[in-house]
N, C-alpha and C. Protein backbone atom coordinates (compact mmCIF):
# COMPACT_ATOMS: atom_id res chain seq x y z
N MET A 1 36.21 -25.14 12.49
CA MET A 1 36.72 -26.10 13.44
C MET A 1 37.78 -26.99 12.78
N LEU A 2 37.61 -27.30 11.47
CA LEU A 2 38.60 -28.13 10.78
C LEU A 2 39.95 -27.44 10.71
N GLU A 3 39.93 -26.10 10.54
CA GLU A 3 41.19 -25.37 10.51
C GLU A 3 41.96 -25.58 11.82
N GLN A 4 41.23 -25.55 12.91
CA GLN A 4 41.87 -25.69 14.21
C GLN A 4 42.34 -27.14 14.44
N LEU A 5 41.51 -28.10 14.07
CA LEU A 5 41.85 -29.50 14.32
C LEU A 5 42.98 -29.98 13.40
N HIS A 6 42.89 -29.66 12.13
CA HIS A 6 43.84 -30.20 11.17
C HIS A 6 45.07 -29.32 10.93
N CYS A 7 44.86 -28.00 11.02
CA CYS A 7 45.97 -27.10 10.70
C CYS A 7 46.59 -26.45 11.93
N GLY A 8 45.94 -26.56 13.06
CA GLY A 8 46.47 -25.95 14.27
C GLY A 8 46.27 -24.44 14.31
N ILE A 9 45.36 -23.90 13.48
CA ILE A 9 45.10 -22.46 13.45
C ILE A 9 44.07 -22.13 14.53
N ASP A 10 44.37 -21.10 15.31
CA ASP A 10 43.45 -20.68 16.37
C ASP A 10 42.30 -19.88 15.75
N VAL A 11 41.11 -20.42 15.78
CA VAL A 11 39.94 -19.75 15.21
C VAL A 11 38.98 -19.28 16.30
N SER A 12 39.42 -19.24 17.53
CA SER A 12 38.54 -18.87 18.63
C SER A 12 38.03 -17.44 18.50
N GLU A 13 38.86 -16.52 18.00
CA GLU A 13 38.41 -15.13 17.82
C GLU A 13 37.33 -15.06 16.76
N LYS A 14 37.52 -15.79 15.67
CA LYS A 14 36.51 -15.79 14.59
C LYS A 14 35.20 -16.39 15.10
N LEU A 15 35.29 -17.48 15.86
CA LEU A 15 34.09 -18.09 16.42
C LEU A 15 33.40 -17.15 17.39
N ALA A 16 34.17 -16.46 18.21
CA ALA A 16 33.59 -15.51 19.17
C ALA A 16 32.88 -14.37 18.44
N ALA A 17 33.49 -13.88 17.35
CA ALA A 17 32.87 -12.81 16.58
C ALA A 17 31.58 -13.30 15.93
N ASP A 18 31.60 -14.51 15.37
CA ASP A 18 30.40 -15.06 14.76
C ASP A 18 29.29 -15.24 15.79
N GLU A 19 29.64 -15.73 16.96
CA GLU A 19 28.65 -15.92 18.03
C GLU A 19 28.07 -14.59 18.48
N ALA A 20 28.91 -13.55 18.54
CA ALA A 20 28.43 -12.22 18.95
C ALA A 20 27.42 -11.70 17.93
N VAL A 21 27.71 -11.89 16.65
CA VAL A 21 26.78 -11.44 15.61
C VAL A 21 25.45 -12.20 15.73
N LEU A 22 25.54 -13.51 15.90
CA LEU A 22 24.32 -14.31 16.04
C LEU A 22 23.50 -13.91 17.25
N GLU A 23 24.15 -13.68 18.38
CA GLU A 23 23.44 -13.26 19.58
C GLU A 23 22.77 -11.90 19.39
N ASN A 24 23.49 -10.99 18.73
CA ASN A 24 22.93 -9.68 18.45
C ASN A 24 21.68 -9.80 17.58
N GLU A 25 21.72 -10.62 16.55
CA GLU A 25 20.57 -10.81 15.66
C GLU A 25 19.41 -11.46 16.42
N GLN A 26 19.73 -12.38 17.32
CA GLN A 26 18.68 -13.01 18.12
C GLN A 26 18.01 -11.99 19.04
N ARG A 27 18.79 -11.10 19.61
CA ARG A 27 18.22 -10.05 20.47
C ARG A 27 17.31 -9.13 19.66
N LYS A 28 17.76 -8.76 18.44
CA LYS A 28 16.94 -7.91 17.58
C LYS A 28 15.63 -8.61 17.23
N ALA A 29 15.73 -9.89 16.87
CA ALA A 29 14.53 -10.65 16.51
C ALA A 29 13.58 -10.75 17.70
N GLN A 30 14.11 -10.93 18.89
CA GLN A 30 13.28 -11.01 20.09
C GLN A 30 12.58 -9.69 20.35
N ARG A 31 13.32 -8.56 20.20
CA ARG A 31 12.70 -7.25 20.40
C ARG A 31 11.60 -7.01 19.38
N THR A 32 11.86 -7.37 18.13
CA THR A 32 10.84 -7.21 17.09
C THR A 32 9.62 -8.05 17.40
N TYR A 33 9.84 -9.29 17.82
CA TYR A 33 8.73 -10.17 18.18
C TYR A 33 7.90 -9.57 19.32
N GLU A 34 8.58 -9.06 20.34
CA GLU A 34 7.87 -8.47 21.47
C GLU A 34 7.09 -7.24 21.06
N LYS A 35 7.68 -6.40 20.20
CA LYS A 35 6.97 -5.21 19.72
C LYS A 35 5.73 -5.62 18.94
N ASN A 36 5.86 -6.64 18.07
CA ASN A 36 4.72 -7.08 17.28
C ASN A 36 3.63 -7.67 18.17
N MET A 37 4.03 -8.43 19.18
CA MET A 37 3.04 -9.00 20.09
C MET A 37 2.32 -7.90 20.87
N ASP A 38 3.06 -6.88 21.32
CA ASP A 38 2.44 -5.75 22.02
C ASP A 38 1.46 -5.03 21.11
N ALA A 39 1.86 -4.79 19.85
CA ALA A 39 0.97 -4.12 18.90
C ALA A 39 -0.27 -4.95 18.64
N ALA A 40 -0.12 -6.25 18.51
CA ALA A 40 -1.27 -7.13 18.29
C ALA A 40 -2.20 -7.11 19.50
N GLN A 41 -1.63 -7.09 20.69
CA GLN A 41 -2.44 -7.04 21.91
C GLN A 41 -3.23 -5.74 21.97
N ARG A 42 -2.58 -4.62 21.67
CA ARG A 42 -3.27 -3.32 21.67
C ARG A 42 -4.39 -3.31 20.64
N ALA A 43 -4.13 -3.87 19.45
CA ALA A 43 -5.16 -3.91 18.40
C ALA A 43 -6.34 -4.77 18.84
N ALA A 44 -6.07 -5.88 19.51
CA ALA A 44 -7.15 -6.75 19.99
C ALA A 44 -7.97 -6.03 21.06
N GLU A 45 -7.31 -5.28 21.92
CA GLU A 45 -8.03 -4.54 22.96
C GLU A 45 -8.90 -3.45 22.34
N ARG A 46 -8.38 -2.78 21.32
CA ARG A 46 -9.17 -1.74 20.65
C ARG A 46 -10.38 -2.36 19.95
N ALA A 47 -10.19 -3.52 19.33
CA ALA A 47 -11.28 -4.18 18.61
C ALA A 47 -12.37 -4.63 19.58
N ALA A 48 -12.00 -4.98 20.80
CA ALA A 48 -12.97 -5.45 21.78
C ALA A 48 -13.71 -4.30 22.44
N ALA A 49 -13.16 -3.10 22.38
CA ALA A 49 -13.77 -1.95 23.03
C ALA A 49 -15.04 -1.54 22.27
N PRO A 50 -16.07 -1.06 23.01
CA PRO A 50 -17.28 -0.60 22.32
C PRO A 50 -16.95 0.57 21.40
N ARG A 51 -17.58 0.55 20.26
CA ARG A 51 -17.28 1.60 19.28
C ARG A 51 -18.41 2.63 19.22
N GLU A 52 -18.02 3.82 18.83
CA GLU A 52 -19.00 4.87 18.64
C GLU A 52 -19.75 4.60 17.34
N PRO A 53 -21.03 4.93 17.28
CA PRO A 53 -21.75 4.71 16.03
C PRO A 53 -21.22 5.64 14.94
N ILE A 54 -21.23 5.16 13.74
CA ILE A 54 -20.79 5.96 12.59
C ILE A 54 -22.03 6.56 11.96
N ILE A 55 -22.04 7.87 11.85
CA ILE A 55 -23.18 8.57 11.27
C ILE A 55 -22.77 9.08 9.89
N ILE A 56 -23.56 8.69 8.90
CA ILE A 56 -23.27 9.10 7.52
C ILE A 56 -24.44 9.93 7.04
N GLN A 57 -24.14 11.10 6.52
CA GLN A 57 -25.17 11.94 5.96
C GLN A 57 -25.13 11.81 4.45
N VAL A 58 -26.24 11.37 3.89
CA VAL A 58 -26.33 11.18 2.44
C VAL A 58 -27.00 12.40 1.85
N PRO A 59 -26.35 13.03 0.86
CA PRO A 59 -26.98 14.21 0.25
C PRO A 59 -28.26 13.81 -0.48
N GLN A 60 -29.27 14.63 -0.33
CA GLN A 60 -30.56 14.38 -0.99
C GLN A 60 -30.52 14.95 -2.40
N PRO A 61 -31.15 14.26 -3.36
CA PRO A 61 -31.15 14.77 -4.73
C PRO A 61 -31.92 16.09 -4.80
N ALA A 62 -31.48 16.94 -5.69
CA ALA A 62 -32.13 18.24 -5.88
C ALA A 62 -33.52 17.99 -6.46
N PRO A 63 -34.48 18.83 -6.12
CA PRO A 63 -35.83 18.65 -6.66
C PRO A 63 -35.78 18.75 -8.19
N ALA A 64 -36.61 17.93 -8.83
CA ALA A 64 -36.64 17.92 -10.30
C ALA A 64 -37.12 19.27 -10.82
N SER A 65 -36.49 19.76 -11.84
CA SER A 65 -36.84 21.05 -12.44
C SER A 65 -37.95 20.82 -13.46
N SER A 66 -38.82 21.77 -13.56
CA SER A 66 -39.90 21.67 -14.54
C SER A 66 -39.44 22.13 -15.92
N LEU A 67 -38.24 22.71 -16.00
CA LEU A 67 -37.72 23.17 -17.29
C LEU A 67 -37.10 21.99 -18.05
N PRO A 68 -37.22 21.97 -19.37
CA PRO A 68 -36.60 20.89 -20.15
C PRO A 68 -35.07 21.03 -20.12
N ASP A 69 -34.38 19.91 -20.25
CA ASP A 69 -32.93 19.92 -20.30
C ASP A 69 -32.46 20.66 -21.54
N PRO A 70 -31.37 21.43 -21.41
CA PRO A 70 -30.84 22.12 -22.59
C PRO A 70 -30.30 21.09 -23.59
N PRO A 71 -30.31 21.43 -24.88
CA PRO A 71 -29.81 20.48 -25.88
C PRO A 71 -28.31 20.21 -25.66
N ALA A 72 -27.88 19.00 -25.98
CA ALA A 72 -26.47 18.64 -25.83
C ALA A 72 -25.63 19.42 -26.83
N THR A 73 -24.43 19.80 -26.42
CA THR A 73 -23.52 20.54 -27.30
C THR A 73 -22.88 19.56 -28.27
N VAL A 74 -22.87 19.93 -29.53
CA VAL A 74 -22.27 19.09 -30.56
C VAL A 74 -21.13 19.87 -31.20
N ASN A 75 -19.95 19.23 -31.26
CA ASN A 75 -18.80 19.84 -31.92
C ASN A 75 -18.48 19.02 -33.16
N CYS A 76 -18.38 19.68 -34.29
CA CYS A 76 -18.08 19.00 -35.55
C CYS A 76 -16.81 19.56 -36.15
N SER A 77 -16.06 18.68 -36.82
CA SER A 77 -14.86 19.14 -37.53
C SER A 77 -14.86 18.47 -38.90
N THR A 78 -14.43 19.22 -39.90
CA THR A 78 -14.39 18.73 -41.28
C THR A 78 -12.95 18.60 -41.71
N THR A 79 -12.63 17.45 -42.29
CA THR A 79 -11.29 17.20 -42.81
C THR A 79 -11.36 17.06 -44.32
N ARG A 80 -10.55 17.85 -45.03
CA ARG A 80 -10.52 17.74 -46.49
C ARG A 80 -9.71 16.52 -46.89
N LEU A 81 -10.31 15.69 -47.75
CA LEU A 81 -9.65 14.47 -48.18
C LEU A 81 -8.99 14.62 -49.55
N GLY A 82 -9.25 15.70 -50.21
CA GLY A 82 -8.67 15.91 -51.54
C GLY A 82 -9.63 15.42 -52.63
N GLY A 83 -9.48 15.94 -53.83
CA GLY A 83 -10.35 15.55 -54.93
C GLY A 83 -11.77 16.01 -54.75
N GLY A 84 -11.98 17.07 -53.99
CA GLY A 84 -13.31 17.61 -53.77
C GLY A 84 -14.08 16.87 -52.69
N MET A 85 -13.46 15.94 -52.01
CA MET A 85 -14.15 15.18 -50.98
C MET A 85 -13.73 15.66 -49.58
N SER A 86 -14.59 15.42 -48.59
CA SER A 86 -14.28 15.79 -47.20
C SER A 86 -14.97 14.81 -46.26
N SER A 87 -14.52 14.83 -45.01
CA SER A 87 -15.09 13.97 -43.98
C SER A 87 -15.45 14.85 -42.80
N THR A 88 -16.66 14.70 -42.30
CA THR A 88 -17.12 15.50 -41.15
C THR A 88 -17.34 14.54 -39.96
N THR A 89 -16.76 14.91 -38.80
CA THR A 89 -16.91 14.14 -37.58
C THR A 89 -17.53 15.02 -36.52
N CYS A 90 -18.58 14.51 -35.89
CA CYS A 90 -19.24 15.28 -34.84
C CYS A 90 -19.18 14.49 -33.53
N ARG A 91 -19.02 15.24 -32.45
CA ARG A 91 -19.01 14.64 -31.11
C ARG A 91 -19.99 15.35 -30.25
């Protein structure tokens, strides 16, 4: 506006373009708001609707075996340290 008042430059086209952009963004924001409100309304309606019961089947443990558990597997490795010495690690 100062350009127009002090310099005599016509800025009406620039103002019109800026207003068009602002109006377009306002329309987009309004559409987004309406979509979100519709989605929230649908979600509220679904939450209020009676729900079907959820049935969960829990697997039953296998019957205990009368046989003893097999021994755990042990893996060992030996590393030579030099000078006739070594280190053995088992897992």
